[in-house]
Amino acid sequence: SDFFRIPERQIPSPPPTAAPLSTPLLPTAVLRADPSRSPEPPRQARREVAAMDEEYDVIVLGTGLKECILSGLLSVDGLKVLHMDRNDYYGGDSTSLNLNQLWKKFRGEDKPPAHLGSSKDYNVDMVPKFMMANGTLVRTLIHTNVTKYLSFKAVDGSFVFSKGKIHKVPATDMEALKSPLMGLFEKRRARNFFIYVQNYDEADPKTHQGLDLTTLTTKELIAKYGLVDDTVDFIGHALALHRDDRHLNEPALDTVKRMKLYSESLARFQGGSPYIYPLYGLGELPQGFARLSAVYGGTYMLSKPECKVLNSIWKEKRVVLHQKVKPQNARKLSAILRT
């Protein structure tokens, strides 16, 4: 599928003193960066290297996704944020590395073989995942207007392994009709169940059909529609995306919500699956929120494995830490939040 943009939602304009859009926090203003280069911190961050004597409302240590979301939101809220990382790239454990960075991380100082091609052709996710097109993260991106810095690609299909073969999970009525995953009569029974799930509204008892999904188990709910075991597995793992079978003996409400999310995500961009993926890897997500913070005046400093803060200039009010960061003399800080 061709890459696309998610529609934006307006948030308050940055203050006049905020870093301009031309500030080279990232290689280009819309994050369509040359992946071979580590993004540079904004001019303000480079200036702070020489004079770290200002007062900050919040200091954030680590540029993982959660930390970057927090720094972006805090900056939009008008707080003065200093964001630091020991690495020379954004993203922490959820970054996307080019070939040179990947080789350095796992092979030390050895250089990658020439036959592997250009380093910038690689964007390897350290935590590979897909995003649900109507999931919480996408809604967060839209709400914060970070989508204007990102481009996405719709994933072409979702597949399951059944009876020794790989089958596409149907994404349209025609695909469902032709799919060998269920027989004709089983498809009719499954369709009735899917209609119930589609119409279910937790806030509207009329759609519950007398069933209390907070007490009724998933197994008991599906049994009311007479579906066979293969269909039960398909529903639980291909649609609700459960990793095991514990959900069968748990309240059905969670499974129904998961199925509705799958259906809503599938319908959102009319693709072959409910998943979307950032064009240059998941590492683009924390960079997008870092960009948001910088636009609203946030200061970024990378490549800071050791940073000493003298009590004479220690004026920050809040510190946000990645779980792996263990500061000394933490008791002296007024407030610490771990992500």
C-alpha atoms as a PDB file:
ATOM      1  CA  SER A   1       0.000   0.000   0.000  1.00  0.00           C
ATOM      2  CA  ASP A   2       1.099   3.587  -0.603  1.00  0.00           C
ATOM      3  CA  PHE A   3       2.101   5.586   2.438  1.00  0.00           C
ATOM      4  CA  PHE A   4      -0.416   8.060   3.770  1.00  0.00           C
ATOM      5  CA  ARG A   5      -0.933  10.771   6.351  1.00  0.00           C
ATOM      6  CA  ILE A   6      -3.363  10.541   9.250  1.00  0.00           C
ATOM      7  CA  PRO A   7      -5.701  13.566   9.419  1.00  0.00           C
ATOM      8  CA  GLU A   8      -4.510  16.152  11.908  1.00  0.00           C
ATOM      9  CA  ARG A   9      -6.257  17.683  14.871  1.00  0.00           C
ATOM     10  CA  GLN A  10      -5.534  21.230  15.933  1.00  0.00           C
ATOM     11  CA  ILE A  11      -3.849  21.968  19.254  1.00  0.00           C
ATOM     12  CA  PRO A  12      -2.897  25.416  20.597  1.00  0.00           C
ATOM     13  CA  SER A  13      -0.229  27.228  18.597  1.00  0.00           C
ATOM     14  CA  PRO A  14       3.251  27.268  20.101  1.00  0.00           C
ATOM     15  CA  PRO A  15       4.294  30.394  21.979  1.00  0.00           C
ATOM     16  CA  PRO A  16       6.267  33.035  20.065  1.00  0.00           C
ATOM     17  CA  THR A  17       9.422  32.129  21.984  1.00  0.00           C
ATOM     18  CA  ALA A  18       9.256  28.470  21.034  1.00  0.00           C
ATOM     19  CA  ALA A  19      11.850  26.889  18.793  1.00  0.00           C
ATOM     20  CA  PRO A  20      10.960  27.536  15.130  1.00  0.00           C
ATOM     21  CA  LEU A  21       9.981  24.723  12.812  1.00  0.00           C
ATOM     22  CA  SER A  22      13.285  25.124  11.009  1.00  0.00           C
ATOM     23  CA  THR A  23      15.183  24.121  14.150  1.00  0.00           C
ATOM     24  CA  PRO A  24      17.159  21.010  13.143  1.00  0.00           C
ATOM     25  CA  LEU A  25      15.941  18.744  15.923  1.00  0.00           C
ATOM     26  CA  LEU A  26      15.409  16.185  13.169  1.00  0.00           C
ATOM     27  CA  PRO A  27      16.911  16.086   9.675  1.00  0.00           C
ATOM     28  CA  THR A  28      13.722  17.420   8.064  1.00  0.00           C
ATOM     29  CA  ALA A  29      10.699  19.251   9.371  1.00  0.00           C
ATOM     30  CA  VAL A  30       8.310  16.375   8.620  1.00  0.00           C
ATOM     31  CA  LEU A  31      10.487  13.563   9.921  1.00  0.00           C
ATOM     32  CA  ARG A  32      11.127  12.111   6.495  1.00  0.00           C
ATOM     33  CA  ALA A  33      14.713  11.886   7.524  1.00  0.00           C
ATOM     34  CA  ASP A  34      17.834  10.331   6.131  1.00  0.00           C
ATOM     35  CA  PRO A  35      17.886   7.367   8.555  1.00  0.00           C
ATOM     36  CA  SER A  36      21.689   7.116   8.353  1.00  0.00           C
ATOM     37  CA  ARG A  37      22.078  10.285  10.397  1.00  0.00           C
ATOM     38  CA  SER A  38      21.279  10.608  14.070  1.00  0.00           C
ATOM     39  CA  PRO A  39      18.985  13.610  14.553  1.00  0.00           C
ATOM     40  CA  GLU A  40      20.660  16.680  15.962  1.00  0.00           C
ATOM     41  CA  PRO A  41      19.299  18.456  19.027  1.00  0.00           C
ATOM     42  CA  PRO A  42      17.877  21.939  18.440  1.00  0.00           C
ATOM     43  CA  ARG A  43      20.065  25.034  18.585  1.00  0.00           C
ATOM     44  CA  GLN A  44      18.857  25.763  22.079  1.00  0.00           C
ATOM     45  CA  ALA A  45      20.081  22.343  23.255  1.00  0.00           C
ATOM     46  CA  ARG A  46      23.518  22.939  21.708  1.00  0.00           C
ATOM     47  CA  ARG A  47      23.682  26.332  23.431  1.00  0.00           C
ATOM     48  CA  GLU A  48      22.902  24.741  26.799  1.00  0.00           C
ATOM     49  CA  VAL A  49      26.048  22.593  26.554  1.00  0.00           C
ATOM     50  CA  ALA A  50      28.082  25.691  27.275  1.00  0.00           C
ATOM     51  CA  ALA A  51      25.786  27.227  29.880  1.00  0.00           C
ATOM     52  CA  MET A  52      23.634  24.867  31.930  1.00  0.00           C
ATOM     53  CA  ASP A  53      22.592  27.473  34.458  1.00  0.00           C
ATOM     54  CA  GLU A  54      18.948  27.959  33.600  1.00  0.00           C
ATOM     55  CA  GLU A  55      15.932  26.871  35.614  1.00  0.00           C
ATOM     56  CA  TYR A  56      13.710  24.093  34.261  1.00  0.00           C
ATOM     57  CA  ASP A  57      10.295  22.976  35.379  1.00  0.00           C
ATOM     58  CA  VAL A  58      10.948  19.360  34.327  1.00  0.00           C
ATOM     59  CA  ILE A  59      14.023  17.304  33.478  1.00  0.00           C
ATOM     60  CA  VAL A  60      13.349  14.123  31.502  1.00  0.00           C
ATOM     61  CA  LEU A  61      16.032  11.419  31.359  1.00  0.00           C
ATOM     62  CA  GLY A  62      15.752   8.929  28.503  1.00  0.00           C
ATOM     63  CA  THR A  63      14.076   9.382  25.106  1.00  0.00           C
ATOM     64  CA  GLY A  64      11.863   6.304  25.036  1.00  0.00           C
ATOM     65  CA  LEU A  65       8.337   6.635  23.679  1.00  0.00           C
ATOM     66  CA  LYS A  66       6.740   7.252  27.082  1.00  0.00           C
ATOM     67  CA  GLU A  67       9.341   9.825  28.031  1.00  0.00           C
ATOM     68  CA  CYS A  68       8.965  11.680  24.719  1.00  0.00           C
ATOM     69  CA  ILE A  69       5.169  11.689  24.991  1.00  0.00           C
ATOM     70  CA  LEU A  70       5.451  13.200  28.464  1.00  0.00           C
ATOM     71  CA  SER A  71       7.991  15.820  27.438  1.00  0.00           C
ATOM     72  CA  GLY A  72       5.860  16.798  24.447  1.00  0.00           C
ATOM     73  CA  LEU A  73       2.681  17.162  26.504  1.00  0.00           C
ATOM     74  CA  LEU A  74       4.444  19.023  29.302  1.00  0.00           C
ATOM     75  CA  SER A  75       5.977  21.453  26.812  1.00  0.00           C
ATOM     76  CA  VAL A  76       2.600  22.089  25.189  1.00  0.00           C
ATOM     77  CA  ASP A  77       1.245  22.771  28.682  1.00  0.00           C
ATOM     78  CA  GLY A  78       3.757  25.601  29.047  1.00  0.00           C
ATOM     79  CA  LEU A  79       6.404  23.940  31.217  1.00  0.00           C
ATOM     80  CA  LYS A  80      10.093  24.403  30.515  1.00  0.00           C
ATOM     81  CA  VAL A  81      11.518  20.959  29.742  1.00  0.00           C
ATOM     82  CA  LEU A  82      15.096  19.698  29.525  1.00  0.00           C
ATOM     83  CA  HIS A  83      15.261  16.258  27.893  1.00  0.00           C
ATOM     84  CA  MET A  84      18.498  14.238  28.002  1.00  0.00           C
ATOM     85  CA  ASP A  85      19.657  10.799  26.816  1.00  0.00           C
ATOM     86  CA  ARG A  86      22.896   8.856  27.124  1.00  0.00           C
ATOM     87  CA  ASN A  87      22.486   7.556  23.548  1.00  0.00           C
ATOM     88  CA  ASP A  88      23.165   9.455  20.336  1.00  0.00           C
ATOM     89  CA  TYR A  89      19.713   8.578  18.988  1.00  0.00           C
ATOM     90  CA  TYR A  90      16.083   8.961  20.062  1.00  0.00           C
ATOM     91  CA  GLY A  91      13.832   6.116  21.140  1.00  0.00           C
ATOM     92  CA  GLY A  92      15.640   4.229  23.900  1.00  0.00           C
ATOM     93  CA  ASP A  93      14.647   0.572  23.828  1.00  0.00           C
ATOM     94  CA  SER A  94      11.978   1.251  21.191  1.00  0.00           C
ATOM     95  CA  THR A  95      14.244   2.915  18.651  1.00  0.00           C
ATOM     96  CA  SER A  96      14.866   1.962  15.009  1.00  0.00           C
ATOM     97  CA  LEU A  97      18.538   1.601  14.108  1.00  0.00           C
ATOM     98  CA  ASN A  98      20.271   1.952  10.774  1.00  0.00           C
ATOM     99  CA  LEU A  99      22.826  -0.662   9.792  1.00  0.00           C
ATOM    100  CA  ASN A 100      25.828   1.123  11.305  1.00  0.00           C
ATOM    101  CA  GLN A 101      24.028   1.684  14.594  1.00  0.00           C
ATOM    102  CA  LEU A 102      22.779  -1.893  14.645  1.00  0.00           C
ATOM    103  CA  TRP A 103      26.264  -3.266  14.014  1.00  0.00           C
ATOM    104  CA  LYS A 104      27.745  -1.062  16.721  1.00  0.00           C
ATOM    105  CA  LYS A 105      25.134  -2.183  19.234  1.00  0.00           C
ATOM    106  CA  PHE A 106      25.650  -5.931  18.716  1.00  0.00           C
ATOM    107  CA  ARG A 107      29.103  -6.217  17.121  1.00  0.00           C
ATOM    108  CA  GLY A 108      31.051  -3.473  18.840  1.00  0.00           C
ATOM    109  CA  GLU A 109      33.429  -1.486  16.644  1.00  0.00           C
ATOM    110  CA  ASP A 110      33.277  -3.892  13.694  1.00  0.00           C
ATOM    111  CA  LYS A 111      31.992  -2.385  10.458  1.00  0.00           C
ATOM    112  CA  PRO A 112      29.114  -4.033   8.548  1.00  0.00           C
ATOM    113  CA  PRO A 113      30.124  -5.873   5.349  1.00  0.00           C
ATOM    114  CA  ALA A 114      29.969  -3.775   2.200  1.00  0.00           C
ATOM    115  CA  HIS A 115      27.694  -6.266   0.418  1.00  0.00           C
ATOM    116  CA  LEU A 116      24.871  -5.386   2.825  1.00  0.00           C
ATOM    117  CA  GLY A 117      24.522  -2.040   1.102  1.00  0.00           C
ATOM    118  CA  SER A 118      23.979   1.452   2.407  1.00  0.00           C
ATOM    119  CA  SER A 119      23.392   1.888   6.131  1.00  0.00           C
ATOM    120  CA  LYS A 120      20.561   4.361   5.543  1.00  0.00           C
ATOM    121  CA  ASP A 121      18.545   1.674   3.733  1.00  0.00           C
ATOM    122  CA  TYR A 122      17.979  -0.065   7.070  1.00  0.00           C
ATOM    123  CA  ASN A 123      15.562   0.807   9.862  1.00  0.00           C
ATOM    124  CA  VAL A 124      15.568  -2.112  12.286  1.00  0.00           C
ATOM    125  CA  ASP A 125      13.062  -1.895  15.156  1.00  0.00           C
ATOM    126  CA  MET A 126      14.412  -2.962  18.528  1.00  0.00           C
ATOM    127  CA  VAL A 127      10.831  -3.740  19.593  1.00  0.00           C
ATOM    128  CA  PRO A 128       9.003  -4.672  16.375  1.00  0.00           C
ATOM    129  CA  LYS A 129       5.267  -4.093  16.581  1.00  0.00           C
ATOM    130  CA  PHE A 130       2.338  -3.032  14.438  1.00  0.00           C
ATOM    131  CA  MET A 131      -0.129  -0.320  15.413  1.00  0.00           C
ATOM    132  CA  MET A 132      -3.897  -0.783  15.393  1.00  0.00           C
ATOM    133  CA  ALA A 133      -5.294   1.856  13.044  1.00  0.00           C
ATOM    134  CA  ASN A 134      -7.913   2.912  15.593  1.00  0.00           C
ATOM    135  CA  GLY A 135      -5.913   2.141  18.716  1.00  0.00           C
ATOM    136  CA  THR A 136      -5.020   4.364  21.639  1.00  0.00           C
ATOM    137  CA  LEU A 137      -1.617   5.320  20.243  1.00  0.00           C
ATOM    138  CA  VAL A 138      -3.061   6.511  16.925  1.00  0.00           C
ATOM    139  CA  ARG A 139      -5.703   8.537  18.745  1.00  0.00           C
ATOM    140  CA  THR A 140      -2.927  10.074  20.871  1.00  0.00           C
ATOM    141  CA  LEU A 141      -0.979  10.998  17.729  1.00  0.00           C
ATOM    142  CA  ILE A 142      -4.054  12.687  16.253  1.00  0.00           C
ATOM    143  CA  HIS A 143      -4.968  14.496  19.467  1.00  0.00           C
ATOM    144  CA  THR A 144      -1.454  15.947  19.845  1.00  0.00           C
ATOM    145  CA  ASN A 145      -1.118  16.740  16.122  1.00  0.00           C
ATOM    146  CA  VAL A 146       2.113  14.732  15.946  1.00  0.00           C
ATOM    147  CA  THR A 147       0.757  13.041  12.816  1.00  0.00           C
ATOM    148  CA  LYS A 148       1.998  15.993  10.727  1.00  0.00           C
ATOM    149  CA  TYR A 149       5.564  14.801  11.386  1.00  0.00           C
ATOM    150  CA  LEU A 150       4.918  11.178  10.362  1.00  0.00           C
ATOM    151  CA  SER A 151       3.955   9.091   7.360  1.00  0.00           C
ATOM    152  CA  PHE A 152       2.411   5.635   7.649  1.00  0.00           C
ATOM    153  CA  LYS A 153       1.960   2.542   5.538  1.00  0.00           C
ATOM    154  CA  ALA A 154      -1.075   0.268   5.748  1.00  0.00           C
ATOM    155  CA  VAL A 155      -0.097  -3.360   6.275  1.00  0.00           C
ATOM    156  CA  ASP A 156      -1.361  -5.365   3.326  1.00  0.00           C
ATOM    157  CA  GLY A 157      -2.662  -8.406   5.160  1.00  0.00           C
ATOM    158  CA  SER A 158      -2.976 -10.488   8.304  1.00  0.00           C
ATOM    159  CA  PHE A 159      -2.483 -14.249   8.148  1.00  0.00           C
ATOM    160  CA  VAL A 160      -3.071 -17.369  10.238  1.00  0.00           C
ATOM    161  CA  PHE A 161      -1.666 -20.888  10.092  1.00  0.00           C
ATOM    162  CA  SER A 162      -4.404 -23.519  10.047  1.00  0.00           C
ATOM    163  CA  LYS A 163      -4.393 -27.206   9.108  1.00  0.00           C
ATOM    164  CA  GLY A 164      -0.880 -27.063   7.697  1.00  0.00           C
ATOM    165  CA  LYS A 165      -1.464 -24.022   5.487  1.00  0.00           C
ATOM    166  CA  ILE A 166      -1.224 -20.234   5.726  1.00  0.00           C
ATOM    167  CA  HIS A 167      -4.472 -18.359   5.130  1.00  0.00           C
ATOM    168  CA  LYS A 168      -5.273 -14.661   4.896  1.00  0.00           C
ATOM    169  CA  VAL A 169      -7.613 -13.315   7.531  1.00  0.00           C
ATOM    170  CA  PRO A 170     -10.571 -11.990   5.500  1.00  0.00           C
ATOM    171  CA  ALA A 171     -10.747  -8.216   5.283  1.00  0.00           C
ATOM    172  CA  THR A 172     -13.798  -7.897   3.007  1.00  0.00           C
ATOM    173  CA  ASP A 173     -17.127  -9.685   2.554  1.00  0.00           C
ATOM    174  CA  MET A 174     -15.865 -11.245  -0.663  1.00  0.00           C
ATOM    175  CA  GLU A 175     -12.714 -12.574   1.026  1.00  0.00           C
ATOM    176  CA  ALA A 176     -14.833 -13.973   3.849  1.00  0.00           C
ATOM    177  CA  LEU A 177     -17.088 -15.748   1.357  1.00  0.00           C
ATOM    178  CA  LYS A 178     -14.133 -17.361  -0.414  1.00  0.00           C
ATOM    179  CA  SER A 179     -12.061 -18.150   2.672  1.00  0.00           C
ATOM    180  CA  PRO A 180     -11.490 -21.860   3.414  1.00  0.00           C
ATOM    181  CA  LEU A 181     -11.085 -21.155   7.138  1.00  0.00           C
ATOM    182  CA  MET A 182     -14.768 -21.988   7.745  1.00  0.00           C
ATOM    183  CA  GLY A 183     -17.434 -24.047   6.047  1.00  0.00           C
ATOM    184  CA  LEU A 184     -20.560 -22.430   4.620  1.00  0.00           C
ATOM    185  CA  PHE A 185     -22.848 -23.227   7.568  1.00  0.00           C
ATOM    186  CA  GLU A 186     -20.148 -22.271  10.067  1.00  0.00           C
ATOM    187  CA  LYS A 187     -19.791 -18.911   8.319  1.00  0.00           C
ATOM    188  CA  ARG A 188     -23.508 -18.282   8.834  1.00  0.00           C
ATOM    189  CA  ARG A 189     -23.253 -19.040  12.550  1.00  0.00           C
ATOM    190  CA  ALA A 190     -20.088 -16.926  12.868  1.00  0.00           C
ATOM    191  CA  ARG A 191     -21.785 -14.067  11.039  1.00  0.00           C
ATOM    192  CA  ASN A 192     -24.522 -13.936  13.689  1.00  0.00           C
ATOM    193  CA  PHE A 193     -21.875 -13.730  16.393  1.00  0.00           C
ATOM    194  CA  PHE A 194     -19.982 -10.989  14.523  1.00  0.00           C
ATOM    195  CA  ILE A 195     -23.187  -8.959  14.160  1.00  0.00           C
ATOM    196  CA  TYR A 196     -23.759  -9.215  17.914  1.00  0.00           C
ATOM    197  CA  VAL A 197     -20.210  -7.984  18.588  1.00  0.00           C
ATOM    198  CA  GLN A 198     -20.517  -5.164  16.057  1.00  0.00           C
ATOM    199  CA  ASN A 199     -23.779  -3.904  17.559  1.00  0.00           C
ATOM    200  CA  TYR A 200     -22.676  -4.304  21.183  1.00  0.00           C
ATOM    201  CA  ASP A 201     -22.483  -1.040  23.103  1.00  0.00           C
ATOM    202  CA  GLU A 202     -21.407  -1.270  26.724  1.00  0.00           C
ATOM    203  CA  ALA A 203     -23.440   1.842  27.571  1.00  0.00           C
ATOM    204  CA  ASP A 204     -26.635   0.626  25.848  1.00  0.00           C
ATOM    205  CA  PRO A 205     -28.286  -2.387  27.570  1.00  0.00           C
ATOM    206  CA  LYS A 206     -30.575  -2.849  24.569  1.00  0.00           C
ATOM    207  CA  THR A 207     -27.608  -4.172  22.587  1.00  0.00           C
ATOM    208  CA  HIS A 208     -26.659  -6.736  25.247  1.00  0.00           C
ATOM    209  CA  GLN A 209     -29.519  -9.115  24.417  1.00  0.00           C
ATOM    210  CA  GLY A 210     -29.871  -9.958  28.093  1.00  0.00           C
ATOM    211  CA  LEU A 211     -26.231 -11.047  28.451  1.00  0.00           C
ATOM    212  CA  ASP A 212     -23.913  -9.690  31.144  1.00  0.00           C
ATOM    213  CA  LEU A 213     -20.451  -9.858  29.569  1.00  0.00           C
ATOM    214  CA  THR A 214     -18.790  -8.864  32.847  1.00  0.00           C
ATOM    215  CA  THR A 215     -19.729 -12.267  34.300  1.00  0.00           C
ATOM    216  CA  LEU A 216     -20.362 -14.430  31.221  1.00  0.00           C
ATOM    217  CA  THR A 217     -17.121 -16.065  30.061  1.00  0.00           C
ATOM    218  CA  THR A 218     -15.916 -15.935  26.475  1.00  0.00           C
ATOM    219  CA  LYS A 219     -16.427 -19.695  26.160  1.00  0.00           C
ATOM    220  CA  GLU A 220     -20.033 -19.392  27.345  1.00  0.00           C
ATOM    221  CA  LEU A 221     -20.759 -16.489  24.991  1.00  0.00           C
ATOM    222  CA  ILE A 222     -19.373 -18.237  21.920  1.00  0.00           C
ATOM    223  CA  ALA A 223     -21.158 -21.481  22.869  1.00  0.00           C
ATOM    224  CA  LYS A 224     -24.489 -19.694  22.468  1.00  0.00           C
ATOM    225  CA  TYR A 225     -23.751 -19.467  18.740  1.00  0.00           C
ATOM    226  CA  GLY A 226     -22.681 -23.096  18.341  1.00  0.00           C
ATOM    227  CA  LEU A 227     -19.267 -22.377  16.866  1.00  0.00           C
ATOM    228  CA  VAL A 228     -16.693 -25.157  16.462  1.00  0.00           C
ATOM    229  CA  ASP A 229     -13.276 -25.207  18.123  1.00  0.00           C
ATOM    230  CA  ASP A 230     -11.385 -24.025  15.023  1.00  0.00           C
ATOM    231  CA  THR A 231     -13.615 -20.946  14.837  1.00  0.00           C
ATOM    232  CA  VAL A 232     -13.161 -20.313  18.548  1.00  0.00           C
ATOM    233  CA  ASP A 233      -9.364 -20.336  18.021  1.00  0.00           C
ATOM    234  CA  PHE A 234      -9.718 -18.026  15.018  1.00  0.00           C
ATOM    235  CA  ILE A 235     -11.815 -15.536  16.996  1.00  0.00           C
ATOM    236  CA  GLY A 236      -9.575 -15.583  20.046  1.00  0.00           C
ATOM    237  CA  HIS A 237      -6.201 -15.341  18.316  1.00  0.00           C
ATOM    238  CA  ALA A 238      -6.720 -13.845  14.833  1.00  0.00           C
ATOM    239  CA  LEU A 239      -9.349 -11.230  15.753  1.00  0.00           C
ATOM    240  CA  ALA A 240      -9.130 -10.601  19.496  1.00  0.00           C
ATOM    241  CA  LEU A 241      -5.328 -11.133  19.347  1.00  0.00           C
ATOM    242  CA  HIS A 242      -5.072 -13.075  22.607  1.00  0.00           C
ATOM    243  CA  ARG A 243      -1.725 -14.791  23.123  1.00  0.00           C
ATOM    244  CA  ASP A 244      -3.129 -17.835  24.925  1.00  0.00           C
ATOM    245  CA  ASP A 245      -6.449 -19.467  25.804  1.00  0.00           C
ATOM    246  CA  ARG A 246      -6.949 -17.971  29.262  1.00  0.00           C
ATOM    247  CA  HIS A 247      -9.508 -15.570  27.820  1.00  0.00           C
ATOM    248  CA  LEU A 248     -11.947 -18.438  27.309  1.00  0.00           C
ATOM    249  CA  ASN A 249     -12.535 -18.670  31.058  1.00  0.00           C
ATOM    250  CA  GLU A 250     -12.463 -14.917  31.652  1.00  0.00           C
ATOM    251  CA  PRO A 251     -15.298 -12.349  31.252  1.00  0.00           C
ATOM    252  CA  ALA A 252     -16.236 -11.965  27.586  1.00  0.00           C
ATOM    253  CA  LEU A 253     -16.288  -8.164  27.689  1.00  0.00           C
ATOM    254  CA  ASP A 254     -12.544  -7.854  27.046  1.00  0.00           C
ATOM    255  CA  THR A 255     -12.685 -10.173  24.029  1.00  0.00           C
ATOM    256  CA  VAL A 256     -15.661  -8.277  22.569  1.00  0.00           C
ATOM    257  CA  LYS A 257     -13.819  -4.958  22.993  1.00  0.00           C
ATOM    258  CA  ARG A 258     -10.748  -6.398  21.275  1.00  0.00           C
ATOM    259  CA  MET A 259     -12.854  -7.649  18.368  1.00  0.00           C
ATOM    260  CA  LYS A 260     -14.531  -4.265  18.005  1.00  0.00           C
ATOM    261  CA  LEU A 261     -11.120  -2.559  17.946  1.00  0.00           C
ATOM    262  CA  TYR A 262      -9.995  -4.976  15.224  1.00  0.00           C
ATOM    263  CA  SER A 263     -13.120  -4.248  13.168  1.00  0.00           C
ATOM    264  CA  GLU A 264     -12.890  -0.468  13.629  1.00  0.00           C
ATOM    265  CA  SER A 265      -9.199  -0.467  12.730  1.00  0.00           C
ATOM    266  CA  LEU A 266      -9.856  -2.575   9.647  1.00  0.00           C
ATOM    267  CA  ALA A 267     -12.538  -0.159   8.454  1.00  0.00           C
ATOM    268  CA  ARG A 268     -10.587   3.017   9.163  1.00  0.00           C
ATOM    269  CA  PHE A 269      -8.304   3.005   6.112  1.00  0.00           C
ATOM    270  CA  GLN A 270      -9.984   0.245   4.087  1.00  0.00           C
ATOM    271  CA  GLY A 271      -6.749  -1.750   3.973  1.00  0.00           C
ATOM    272  CA  GLY A 272      -6.119  -5.470   3.950  1.00  0.00           C
ATOM    273  CA  SER A 273      -5.521  -5.561   7.697  1.00  0.00           C
ATOM    274  CA  PRO A 274      -6.197  -3.429  10.794  1.00  0.00           C
ATOM    275  CA  TYR A 275      -2.513  -2.548  11.152  1.00  0.00           C
ATOM    276  CA  ILE A 276      -0.477   0.475  10.144  1.00  0.00           C
ATOM    277  CA  TYR A 277       3.252   1.085  10.446  1.00  0.00           C
ATOM    278  CA  PRO A 278       5.444   4.224  10.419  1.00  0.00           C
ATOM    279  CA  LEU A 279       7.194   4.519   7.077  1.00  0.00           C
ATOM    280  CA  TYR A 280      10.677   4.707   8.635  1.00  0.00           C
ATOM    281  CA  GLY A 281      10.146   2.412  11.612  1.00  0.00           C
ATOM    282  CA  LEU A 282       8.718   2.681  15.104  1.00  0.00           C
ATOM    283  CA  GLY A 283      11.616   4.893  16.125  1.00  0.00           C
ATOM    284  CA  GLU A 284       9.786   7.696  14.320  1.00  0.00           C
ATOM    285  CA  LEU A 285       7.161   7.806  17.090  1.00  0.00           C
ATOM    286  CA  PRO A 286       9.356   9.087  19.938  1.00  0.00           C
ATOM    287  CA  GLN A 287      11.048  11.453  17.468  1.00  0.00           C
ATOM    288  CA  GLY A 288       7.648  12.890  16.575  1.00  0.00           C
ATOM    289  CA  PHE A 289       6.869  13.721  20.199  1.00  0.00           C
ATOM    290  CA  ALA A 290      10.414  15.051  20.649  1.00  0.00           C
ATOM    291  CA  ARG A 291       9.733  17.374  17.751  1.00  0.00           C
ATOM    292  CA  LEU A 292       6.506  18.492  19.438  1.00  0.00           C
ATOM    293  CA  SER A 293       8.411  19.306  22.625  1.00  0.00           C
ATOM    294  CA  ALA A 294      11.095  21.239  20.728  1.00  0.00           C
ATOM    295  CA  VAL A 295       8.512  23.299  18.847  1.00  0.00           C
ATOM    296  CA  TYR A 296       7.088  24.381  22.206  1.00  0.00           C
ATOM    297  CA  GLY A 297      10.488  25.299  23.610  1.00  0.00           C
ATOM    298  CA  GLY A 298      11.815  21.991  24.922  1.00  0.00           C
ATOM    299  CA  THR A 299      15.605  21.555  25.113  1.00  0.00           C
ATOM    300  CA  TYR A 300      17.214  18.289  23.965  1.00  0.00           C
ATOM    301  CA  MET A 301      20.665  16.907  24.729  1.00  0.00           C
ATOM    302  CA  LEU A 302      21.835  13.544  23.359  1.00  0.00           C
ATOM    303  CA  SER A 303      25.064  11.581  23.913  1.00  0.00           C
ATOM    304  CA  LYS A 304      25.177  12.346  27.633  1.00  0.00           C
ATOM    305  CA  PRO A 305      26.145   9.027  29.296  1.00  0.00           C
ATOM    306  CA  GLU A 306      27.473  10.856  32.358  1.00  0.00           C
ATOM    307  CA  CYS A 307      25.948  14.054  33.618  1.00  0.00           C
ATOM    308  CA  LYS A 308      26.719  15.656  36.963  1.00  0.00           C
ATOM    309  CA  VAL A 309      24.436  18.282  38.389  1.00  0.00           C
ATOM    310  CA  LEU A 310      25.938  20.577  41.008  1.00  0.00           C
ATOM    311  CA  ASN A 311      23.766  21.500  43.959  1.00  0.00           C
ATOM    312  CA  SER A 312      24.555  25.163  43.422  1.00  0.00           C
ATOM    313  CA  ILE A 313      22.614  25.199  40.139  1.00  0.00           C
ATOM    314  CA  TRP A 314      20.163  22.354  40.811  1.00  0.00           C
ATOM    315  CA  LYS A 315      16.911  24.251  40.306  1.00  0.00           C
ATOM    316  CA  GLU A 316      14.579  21.817  38.558  1.00  0.00           C
ATOM    317  CA  LYS A 317      11.190  21.063  40.074  1.00  0.00           C
ATOM    318  CA  ARG A 318      10.354  17.678  38.546  1.00  0.00           C
ATOM    319  CA  VAL A 319      12.405  14.822  37.115  1.00  0.00           C
ATOM    320  CA  VAL A 320      11.032  12.118  34.817  1.00  0.00           C
ATOM    321  CA  LEU A 321      13.189   9.007  34.624  1.00  0.00           C
ATOM    322  CA  HIS A 322      13.296   5.916  32.453  1.00  0.00           C
ATOM    323  CA  GLN A 323      13.084   2.739  34.533  1.00  0.00           C
ATOM    324  CA  LYS A 324      16.771   1.961  33.883  1.00  0.00           C
ATOM    325  CA  VAL A 325      18.027   5.349  35.095  1.00  0.00           C
ATOM    326  CA  LYS A 326      19.304   5.261  38.699  1.00  0.00           C
ATOM    327  CA  PRO A 327      20.288   8.765  39.830  1.00  0.00           C
ATOM    328  CA  GLN A 328      22.431   9.355  42.863  1.00  0.00           C
ATOM    329  CA  ASN A 329      21.171  11.591  45.659  1.00  0.00           C
ATOM    330  CA  ALA A 330      17.632  11.206  44.334  1.00  0.00           C
ATOM    331  CA  ARG A 331      16.278  12.135  47.774  1.00  0.00           C
ATOM    332  CA  LYS A 332      17.384  15.725  47.151  1.00  0.00           C
ATOM    333  CA  LEU A 333      14.951  16.151  44.273  1.00  0.00           C
ATOM    334  CA  SER A 334      11.535  17.641  44.934  1.00  0.00           C
ATOM    335  CA  ALA A 335       9.695  15.064  42.809  1.00  0.00           C
ATOM    336  CA  ILE A 336      10.613  12.021  40.713  1.00  0.00           C
ATOM    337  CA  LEU A 337       8.316  10.227  38.271  1.00  0.00           C
ATOM    338  CA  ARG A 338       9.337   6.908  36.705  1.00  0.00           C
ATOM    339  CA  THR A 339       7.878   5.934  33.340  1.00  0.00           C
END
